[in-house]
Amino acid sequence: MNVLVINCGSSSLKFQLIDTETEQVSAKGLCERIGIDGQLIYQKNSNEKEVIAQEMPTHAEAIQVVINILTDKDLGVISSLDEIDAIGHRVAHGGEKFSKPAFITEEVFNELGACNELAPLHNPVNLIGIKACDEFIPNTPMVAVFDTAFHQSMPERAYLYGLPSRYYDQYKIRRYGFHGTSHKFVSDRASELLSVHNPKIIVCHLGNGSSICAVNNGKSVDTSMGFTPLEGLVMGTRSGDVDPAILSYIAEKENMSISEIMEVLNKKSGVAGISDVSSDFRDLEEAANLGNRKAKIALDIFSYRVAKYIGGYAAAMNGVDSIVFTAGIGENAITIRKEICSYLTYLGVVFDQEANNTRGSEREISKKGSKVKVFVIPTNEELAIANETAAVIQL
């Protein structure tokens, strides 16, 4: 089945055309700077990337750009839109309504709109992408795949906050979690690698945005992100967990509004704020190696927080069979993986430094006899979305 995967961000749109039977990507691209000057970065099969200047005032125009390039006589990979069997849309937030991918009908589309206030930067543009595809590629079945759905299996003890219950009853304020598509894809693969009945797996999705998930027998039972992606680990520019009283303290000291404080917590904090260097972990490692103390502290804090969450989730599941690293940092940051694992010997982790000295590929980085298996498993959210879309369509 040929599935077009659409992932609309706040000012960008990523896409891939994937054959789910062969798992081959025939074309992929990124429409970026939507609403500004606009450009398309496009790759056909495994050819060199093409960078094409292209005005895209809105995400609807970006969808039209995608259609045009896929069917282009020279650059395209299909001769007709009829060759697209289905469209899978990444949707940031499904609230409590959606615990699995959903076939998009008019009723489902309207229900998605009700989740806009939970993800105001992403859900509205996700809906624009859905509407545009419905207009430009009519009669092609579409499926919504949610970042939050995988975590809907969390029990109340994991997702409720210590707030008056009326805030949950009235406004559904609770922990939702994110990166669900990645956590499911990676934990499913880890389960295949383990010869364990009902495996207990901790997935560390570590990138500029990072989250950790406890997966017990294929189900998410806890995760580090919360009502928004701000909760949890220290990240690239996000603060992660902080004492809420800090917000009012800083607001009074610096005469700042709540929105200004949130801007600091989301965009000026994390390792970028701690280091005063960068949110890019490669820059931090380079600076730390040159003796920059703040950069070294930022890296230490990140690794320490990851290790603390791993320990907490091992307790939550009363054990762990495997720890998995994925996403940009998890797949490529050799030193950070080593530092995190240095905290985990009490769990029975026997780290394999030689196996760890590789970037990007799937492998085990624990030694034979390690009580807990440690893997690096590259995530592939687009393939996961395509496969989940195909599964819904074929029901």
Protein backbone atom coordinates (compact mmCIF):
# COMPACT_ATOMS: atom_id res chain seq x y z
CA MET A 1 0.00 0.00 0.00
CA ASN A 2 1.31 3.45 -0.98
CA VAL A 3 0.80 5.72 2.04
CA LEU A 4 1.50 9.44 2.00
CA VAL A 5 2.54 10.50 5.51
CA ILE A 6 1.88 14.14 6.38
CA ASN A 7 3.36 15.78 9.49
CA CYS A 8 2.39 19.44 9.87
CA GLY A 9 4.42 21.47 12.36
CA SER A 10 3.76 25.05 13.40
CA SER A 11 5.71 26.48 10.42
CA SER A 12 6.74 23.35 8.52
CA LEU A 13 5.39 20.24 6.82
CA LYS A 14 7.27 16.96 6.53
CA PHE A 15 6.10 14.24 4.15
CA GLN A 16 7.05 10.78 2.94
CA LEU A 17 5.55 8.44 0.37
CA ILE A 18 6.03 4.91 1.69
CA ASP A 19 5.21 1.49 0.29
CA THR A 20 4.16 -0.36 3.44
CA GLU A 21 4.70 -3.78 1.88
CA THR A 22 8.40 -3.16 1.13
CA GLU A 23 8.89 -0.30 3.64
CA GLN A 24 10.59 1.62 0.83
CA VAL A 25 10.45 5.43 0.77
CA SER A 26 10.02 6.60 -2.82
CA ALA A 27 10.05 10.31 -1.95
CA LYS A 28 10.32 12.53 1.09
CA GLY A 29 10.63 16.18 1.82
CA LEU A 30 10.29 19.16 4.09
CA CYS A 31 8.32 22.32 3.40
CA GLU A 32 9.81 24.88 5.75
CA ARG A 33 9.40 28.55 6.61
CA ILE A 34 5.70 28.35 5.74
CA GLY A 35 4.19 31.82 5.91
CA ILE A 36 7.62 33.45 5.61
CA ASP A 37 9.70 33.03 2.42
CA GLY A 38 9.22 29.28 2.04
CA GLN A 39 11.37 26.51 0.59
CA LEU A 40 11.05 22.82 -0.24
CA ILE A 41 13.80 20.33 0.56
CA TYR A 42 13.01 17.26 -1.53
CA GLN A 43 14.58 13.84 -2.06
CA LYS A 44 13.47 11.30 -4.64
CA ASN A 45 14.39 7.72 -3.75
CA SER A 46 18.00 7.94 -2.53
CA ASN A 47 19.01 10.75 -4.91
CA GLU A 48 20.64 13.99 -3.79
CA LYS A 49 18.39 16.45 -1.99
CA GLU A 50 16.96 19.31 -4.02
CA VAL A 51 16.35 22.71 -2.39
CA ILE A 52 13.61 24.64 -4.15
CA ALA A 53 12.49 28.18 -3.25
CA GLN A 54 8.71 28.14 -3.12
CA GLU A 55 6.18 30.55 -1.64
CA MET A 56 3.84 28.79 0.80
CA PRO A 57 1.67 31.34 2.64
CA THR A 58 -0.20 28.61 4.53
CA HIS A 59 -0.10 24.86 5.14
CA ALA A 60 -2.81 24.43 2.49
CA GLU A 61 -0.44 25.80 -0.15
CA ALA A 62 2.29 23.54 1.23
CA ILE A 63 0.05 20.51 0.61
CA GLN A 64 -0.40 21.68 -2.98
CA VAL A 65 3.39 21.96 -3.31
CA VAL A 66 3.74 18.36 -2.09
CA ILE A 67 1.19 17.14 -4.62
CA ASN A 68 2.88 19.06 -7.44
CA ILE A 69 6.35 17.69 -6.70
CA LEU A 70 5.18 14.08 -6.30
CA THR A 71 3.48 14.19 -9.72
CA ASP A 72 6.10 16.33 -11.48
CA LYS A 73 7.24 14.89 -14.81
CA ASP A 74 10.93 15.02 -13.91
CA LEU A 75 11.12 15.05 -10.11
CA GLY A 76 8.00 13.12 -9.25
CA VAL A 77 7.55 9.46 -8.37
CA ILE A 78 3.91 8.94 -9.34
CA SER A 79 2.03 9.75 -12.53
CA SER A 80 -1.33 10.17 -10.86
CA LEU A 81 -2.74 10.89 -7.40
CA ASP A 82 -4.69 7.65 -7.79
CA GLU A 83 -1.41 5.88 -6.94
CA ILE A 84 -1.72 7.17 -3.37
CA ASP A 85 -3.78 4.53 -1.55
CA ALA A 86 -4.10 6.32 1.79
CA ILE A 87 -2.90 9.35 3.73
CA GLY A 88 -1.66 9.17 7.30
CA HIS A 89 -1.66 12.40 9.30
CA ARG A 90 0.36 12.92 12.46
CA VAL A 91 -1.90 14.70 14.93
CA ALA A 92 -0.23 16.10 18.03
CA HIS A 93 -3.05 15.72 20.54
CA GLY A 94 -6.01 13.37 20.67
CA GLY A 95 -7.05 14.18 24.24
CA GLU A 96 -8.84 11.37 26.06
CA LYS A 97 -11.07 10.66 23.08
CA PHE A 98 -8.51 8.89 20.93
CA SER A 99 -6.53 5.94 22.27
CA LYS A 100 -5.65 4.56 18.82
CA PRO A 101 -5.42 5.77 15.22
CA ALA A 102 -8.74 6.90 13.78
CA PHE A 103 -10.23 6.76 10.29
CA ILE A 104 -11.01 10.39 9.50
CA THR A 105 -14.68 11.10 8.96
CA GLU A 106 -16.48 14.43 9.28
CA GLU A 107 -17.42 13.48 12.85
CA VAL A 108 -13.81 12.61 13.75
CA PHE A 109 -12.58 15.85 12.14
CA ASN A 110 -14.95 17.87 14.33
CA GLU A 111 -13.85 15.95 17.44
CA LEU A 112 -10.22 16.74 16.60
CA GLY A 113 -11.10 20.42 16.59
CA ALA A 114 -12.16 20.11 20.22
CA CYS A 115 -8.55 19.19 21.09
CA ASN A 116 -7.13 22.40 19.62
CA GLU A 117 -6.88 24.16 22.97
CA LEU A 118 -4.72 21.30 24.31
CA ALA A 119 -2.12 21.79 21.54
CA PRO A 120 -2.72 25.28 20.12
CA LEU A 121 0.51 25.41 18.09
CA HIS A 122 0.10 22.04 16.38
CA ASN A 123 -3.44 20.69 16.26
CA PRO A 124 -4.93 23.58 14.23
CA VAL A 125 -2.29 23.16 11.49
CA ASN A 126 -2.77 19.38 11.62
CA LEU A 127 -6.43 20.02 10.80
CA ILE A 128 -5.50 22.42 7.98
CA GLY A 129 -3.39 19.63 6.48
CA ILE A 130 -6.28 17.17 6.73
CA LYS A 131 -8.73 19.61 5.16
CA ALA A 132 -6.33 20.45 2.31
CA CYS A 133 -5.71 16.78 1.52
CA ASP A 134 -9.45 16.17 1.49
CA GLU A 135 -9.81 19.00 -1.02
CA PHE A 136 -6.86 18.22 -3.29
CA ILE A 137 -6.90 14.39 -3.07
CA PRO A 138 -10.62 13.65 -2.64
CA ASN A 139 -11.89 10.12 -2.02
CA THR A 140 -8.51 8.97 -0.71
CA PRO A 141 -8.95 7.48 2.77
CA MET A 142 -7.20 9.33 5.59
CA VAL A 143 -6.16 8.25 9.08
CA ALA A 144 -5.16 10.35 12.09
CA VAL A 145 -2.26 8.95 14.14
CA PHE A 146 -1.86 10.65 17.51
CA ASP A 147 1.25 11.55 19.50
CA THR A 148 -0.73 11.07 22.69
CA ALA A 149 -2.71 7.90 21.91
CA PHE A 150 -0.12 5.35 23.05
CA HIS A 151 -0.13 6.86 26.54
CA GLN A 152 -3.90 6.53 27.02
CA SER A 153 -3.20 3.19 28.71
CA MET A 154 -1.57 4.96 31.67
CA PRO A 155 -3.41 4.33 34.97
CA GLU A 156 -4.90 7.18 37.00
CA ARG A 157 -2.07 7.04 39.52
CA ALA A 158 0.30 7.99 36.70
CA TYR A 159 -1.70 10.61 34.81
CA LEU A 160 -3.53 12.59 37.53
CA TYR A 161 -1.89 15.65 39.08
CA GLY A 162 -2.05 16.60 42.75
CA LEU A 163 -4.64 19.28 41.99
CA PRO A 164 -8.29 19.70 43.03
CA SER A 165 -10.23 17.05 41.12
CA ARG A 166 -12.54 19.61 39.55
CA TYR A 167 -9.71 20.76 37.25
CA TYR A 168 -9.60 17.30 35.73
CA ASP A 169 -13.39 16.91 35.75
CA GLN A 170 -13.99 20.28 34.06
CA TYR A 171 -10.90 20.90 31.95
CA LYS A 172 -9.28 17.45 31.56
CA ILE A 173 -6.05 18.71 33.10
CA ARG A 174 -3.92 15.57 33.36
CA ARG A 175 -0.72 14.10 32.04
CA TYR A 176 -1.07 13.07 28.40
CA GLY A 177 2.49 12.38 27.26
CA PHE A 178 3.93 12.77 23.76
CA HIS A 179 6.27 11.02 21.29
CA GLY A 180 3.81 8.11 21.52
CA THR A 181 4.33 6.93 17.94
CA SER A 182 8.08 6.72 18.51
CA HIS A 183 7.76 5.02 21.90
CA LYS A 184 5.43 2.39 20.46
CA PHE A 185 7.58 1.75 17.37
CA VAL A 186 10.78 1.38 19.39
CA SER A 187 9.30 -0.68 22.22
CA ASP A 188 7.67 -3.05 19.71
CA ARG A 189 11.07 -3.58 18.07
CA ALA A 190 12.75 -4.09 21.45
CA SER A 191 10.14 -6.72 22.30
CA GLU A 192 11.11 -8.60 19.14
CA LEU A 193 14.76 -8.58 20.23
CA LEU A 194 14.01 -9.88 23.74
CA SER A 195 13.18 -13.49 24.53
CA VAL A 196 11.09 -12.41 27.51
CA HIS A 197 7.41 -12.99 28.29
CA ASN A 198 5.56 -9.71 29.03
CA PRO A 199 8.71 -7.55 28.74
CA LYS A 200 9.28 -4.43 30.82
CA ILE A 201 10.97 -1.81 28.63
CA ILE A 202 12.09 1.76 29.27
CA VAL A 203 12.37 3.83 26.08
CA CYS A 204 14.54 6.95 26.14
CA HIS A 205 13.51 9.19 23.22
CA LEU A 206 16.31 11.75 23.46
CA GLY A 207 16.43 14.70 21.10
CA ASN A 208 15.94 18.44 21.30
CA GLY A 209 12.63 17.41 22.79
CA SER A 210 13.08 14.38 25.03
CA SER A 211 10.81 11.98 26.88
CA ILE A 212 11.06 8.63 28.62
CA CYS A 213 8.35 5.98 28.65
CA ALA A 214 7.78 2.90 30.79
CA VAL A 215 6.26 0.15 28.62
CA ASN A 216 4.92 -2.94 30.36
CA ASN A 217 3.85 -5.76 28.06
CA GLY A 218 3.38 -3.41 25.12
CA LYS A 219 1.43 -0.72 27.01
CA SER A 220 2.57 2.69 28.21
CA VAL A 221 2.23 2.82 31.99
CA ASP A 222 4.05 6.11 32.59
CA THR A 223 5.88 8.80 30.63
CA SER A 224 7.84 11.92 31.47
CA MET A 225 6.01 14.57 29.43
CA GLY A 226 2.74 15.76 30.89
CA PHE A 227 -0.16 18.08 30.09
CA THR A 228 2.26 19.69 27.62
CA PRO A 229 5.70 18.66 26.31
CA LEU A 230 7.29 21.03 28.86
CA GLU A 231 7.20 18.57 31.77
CA GLY A 232 9.85 15.96 32.41
CA LEU A 233 13.50 15.97 31.33
CA VAL A 234 15.71 18.98 30.86
CA MET A 235 15.67 19.36 27.06
CA GLY A 236 17.22 21.54 24.36
CA THR A 237 15.39 24.75 25.28
CA ARG A 238 12.68 23.43 27.67
CA SER A 239 13.21 23.49 31.41
CA GLY A 240 11.54 20.18 32.22
CA ASP A 241 10.42 19.69 35.84
CA VAL A 242 10.64 22.83 37.98
CA ASP A 243 9.14 23.95 41.30
CA PRO A 244 5.96 25.84 40.25
CA ALA A 245 6.65 28.49 42.91
CA ILE A 246 9.63 29.61 40.80
CA LEU A 247 7.20 31.05 38.25
CA SER A 248 5.64 33.55 40.65
CA TYR A 249 9.02 34.32 42.22
CA ILE A 250 10.62 35.26 38.88
CA ALA A 251 7.46 37.07 37.74
CA GLU A 252 7.61 39.32 40.82
CA LYS A 253 11.37 39.88 40.63
CA GLU A 254 11.41 40.75 36.92
CA ASN A 255 7.86 42.06 36.45
CA MET A 256 7.02 39.36 33.91
CA SER A 257 3.65 38.03 32.77
CA ILE A 258 2.70 34.33 32.75
CA SER A 259 3.09 34.24 28.95
CA GLU A 260 6.58 35.75 29.24
CA ILE A 261 7.53 33.19 31.89
CA MET A 262 6.24 30.37 29.66
CA GLU A 263 8.34 31.75 26.81
CA VAL A 264 11.42 31.45 29.04
CA LEU A 265 10.54 27.92 30.19
CA ASN A 266 9.85 26.66 26.66
CA LYS A 267 12.38 28.51 24.51
CA LYS A 268 15.19 29.90 26.66
CA SER A 269 15.79 27.21 29.26
CA GLY A 270 17.03 23.60 29.15
CA VAL A 271 20.64 22.93 28.24
CA ALA A 272 20.69 26.11 26.14
CA GLY A 273 19.81 28.23 29.17
CA ILE A 274 22.08 26.36 31.59
CA SER A 275 25.10 26.48 29.29
CA ASP A 276 24.68 29.87 27.60
CA VAL A 277 26.16 28.03 24.61
CA SER A 278 23.58 26.13 22.52
CA SER A 279 20.65 23.74 22.52
CA ASP A 280 22.61 21.47 20.15
CA PHE A 281 24.32 18.71 22.11
CA ARG A 282 27.16 18.54 19.57
CA ASP A 283 28.00 22.15 20.31
CA LEU A 284 27.83 21.44 24.04
CA GLU A 285 30.20 18.47 23.81
CA GLU A 286 32.67 20.52 21.78
CA ALA A 287 32.50 23.39 24.28
CA ALA A 288 32.82 21.03 27.26
CA ASN A 289 35.89 19.39 25.71
CA LEU A 290 37.43 22.87 25.40
CA GLY A 291 36.90 23.47 29.11
CA ASN A 292 33.57 25.30 29.17
CA ARG A 293 32.28 24.55 32.66
CA LYS A 294 28.64 25.52 32.03
CA ALA A 295 28.47 23.28 28.96
CA LYS A 296 29.84 20.38 31.01
CA ILE A 297 27.28 21.02 33.77
CA ALA A 298 24.44 21.11 31.23
CA LEU A 299 25.46 17.70 29.87
CA ASP A 300 25.85 16.31 33.39
CA ILE A 301 22.38 17.54 34.37
CA PHE A 302 20.81 16.01 31.27
CA SER A 303 22.39 12.58 31.83
CA TYR A 304 21.58 12.64 35.55
CA ARG A 305 17.91 13.46 34.95
CA VAL A 306 17.57 10.69 32.37
CA ALA A 307 19.11 8.19 34.81
CA LYS A 308 16.74 9.33 37.59
CA TYR A 309 13.70 8.78 35.39
CA ILE A 310 14.97 5.34 34.37
CA GLY A 311 15.29 4.43 38.04
CA GLY A 312 11.80 5.72 38.77
CA TYR A 313 10.27 3.74 35.95
CA ALA A 314 12.10 0.57 36.96
CA ALA A 315 10.38 1.03 40.33
CA ALA A 316 7.01 1.79 38.69
CA MET A 317 7.14 -1.53 36.79
CA ASN A 318 8.84 -3.43 39.63
CA GLY A 319 11.71 -4.29 37.33
CA VAL A 320 13.05 -3.71 33.84
CA ASP A 321 14.20 -6.10 31.12
CA SER A 322 15.51 -3.58 28.61
CA ILE A 323 16.50 0.08 28.29
CA VAL A 324 16.41 1.55 24.79
CA PHE A 325 17.97 4.73 23.41
CA THR A 326 16.44 6.37 20.34
CA ALA A 327 16.02 9.69 18.44
CA GLY A 328 18.81 12.12 17.51
CA ILE A 329 20.74 12.15 20.79
CA GLY A 330 19.82 8.62 21.82
CA GLU A 331 21.01 7.19 18.51
CA ASN A 332 24.16 9.27 18.07
CA ALA A 333 25.50 10.72 21.35
CA ILE A 334 28.08 8.12 22.40
CA THR A 335 29.32 9.99 25.47
CA ILE A 336 25.85 10.75 26.80
CA ARG A 337 24.75 7.09 26.53
CA LYS A 338 27.89 6.07 28.41
CA GLU A 339 27.26 8.66 31.14
CA ILE A 340 23.63 7.61 31.60
CA CYS A 341 24.54 3.93 31.80
CA SER A 342 27.21 4.66 34.41
CA TYR A 343 24.34 5.30 36.87
CA LEU A 344 22.62 1.99 36.10
CA THR A 345 24.98 -0.70 37.39
CA TYR A 346 22.63 -1.26 40.37
CA LEU A 347 20.04 -2.54 37.88
CA GLY A 348 22.51 -5.11 36.57
CA VAL A 349 23.53 -3.19 33.45
CA VAL A 350 26.93 -4.33 32.15
CA PHE A 351 27.88 -1.69 29.59
CA ASP A 352 29.79 -2.55 26.40
CA GLN A 353 31.94 0.45 25.52
CA GLU A 354 33.12 -1.00 22.21
CA ALA A 355 29.57 -1.65 20.99
CA ASN A 356 28.61 1.84 22.12
CA ASN A 357 31.25 3.49 19.90
CA THR A 358 28.95 3.54 16.87
CA ARG A 359 26.30 5.99 15.74
CA GLY A 360 22.92 5.50 14.12
CA SER A 361 22.54 1.75 13.66
CA GLU A 362 20.51 -0.78 15.64
CA ARG A 363 22.63 -2.69 18.14
CA GLU A 364 22.95 -3.93 21.70
CA ILE A 365 25.33 -1.87 23.86
CA SER A 366 25.25 -4.14 26.92
CA LYS A 367 27.54 -7.14 27.32
CA LYS A 368 26.53 -10.76 27.28
CA GLY A 369 25.29 -11.64 30.75
CA SER A 370 23.95 -8.16 31.47
CA LYS A 371 20.81 -8.56 33.59
CA VAL A 372 19.20 -5.66 31.74
CA LYS A 373 19.66 -5.49 27.95
CA VAL A 374 20.52 -2.03 26.61
CA PHE A 375 19.78 -1.29 22.95
CA VAL A 376 20.09 1.53 20.47
CA ILE A 377 17.10 1.35 18.11
CA PRO A 378 16.62 4.08 15.50
CA THR A 379 13.11 5.42 15.53
CA ASN A 380 11.06 5.79 12.36
CA GLU A 381 7.90 7.69 13.14
CA GLU A 382 6.94 8.10 9.49
CA LEU A 383 7.07 4.34 8.88
CA ALA A 384 5.11 3.79 12.08
CA ILE A 385 2.44 6.24 10.92
CA ALA A 386 2.32 4.57 7.49
CA ASN A 387 1.96 1.09 9.01
CA GLU A 388 -0.73 2.21 11.45
CA THR A 389 -2.58 3.94 8.61
CA ALA A 390 -2.47 0.80 6.47
CA ALA A 391 -3.71 -1.31 9.40
CA VAL A 392 -6.75 0.96 9.90
CA ILE A 393 -7.57 1.05 6.17
CA GLN A 394 -7.34 -2.74 5.85
CA LEU A 395 -9.70 -3.46 8.75
